[in-house]
């Protein structure tokens, strides 16, 4: 897999911002077929940082209902990447 196909987008929430500050962890939405080794290699090459560890989880899409119409959000995979001490990734510099 190509690095840019593995990592789809960063997940930016209050919880992930706290993880970024306290534990030096970044959360990404990744390709559902990607494994930990591919995710680690992609993050190291794209952002030019050293990775200490990768944890992954499959997120099941929620069932949503609007009146009588029932739908489902898509399933996706989340990766929490722990960076080595001293390494950082800044998504919103100067914002």
Foldseek 3Di string as FASTA:
>chain_A
DDLPQFFPAWDDDPVQVVCCVPQVKTKTWTAPPDDFVSNQVSCCVPQVFHWDGKDKDKAFWDWDDDVPDIDTDHITMMMITGGDPPDHDDDDPPD
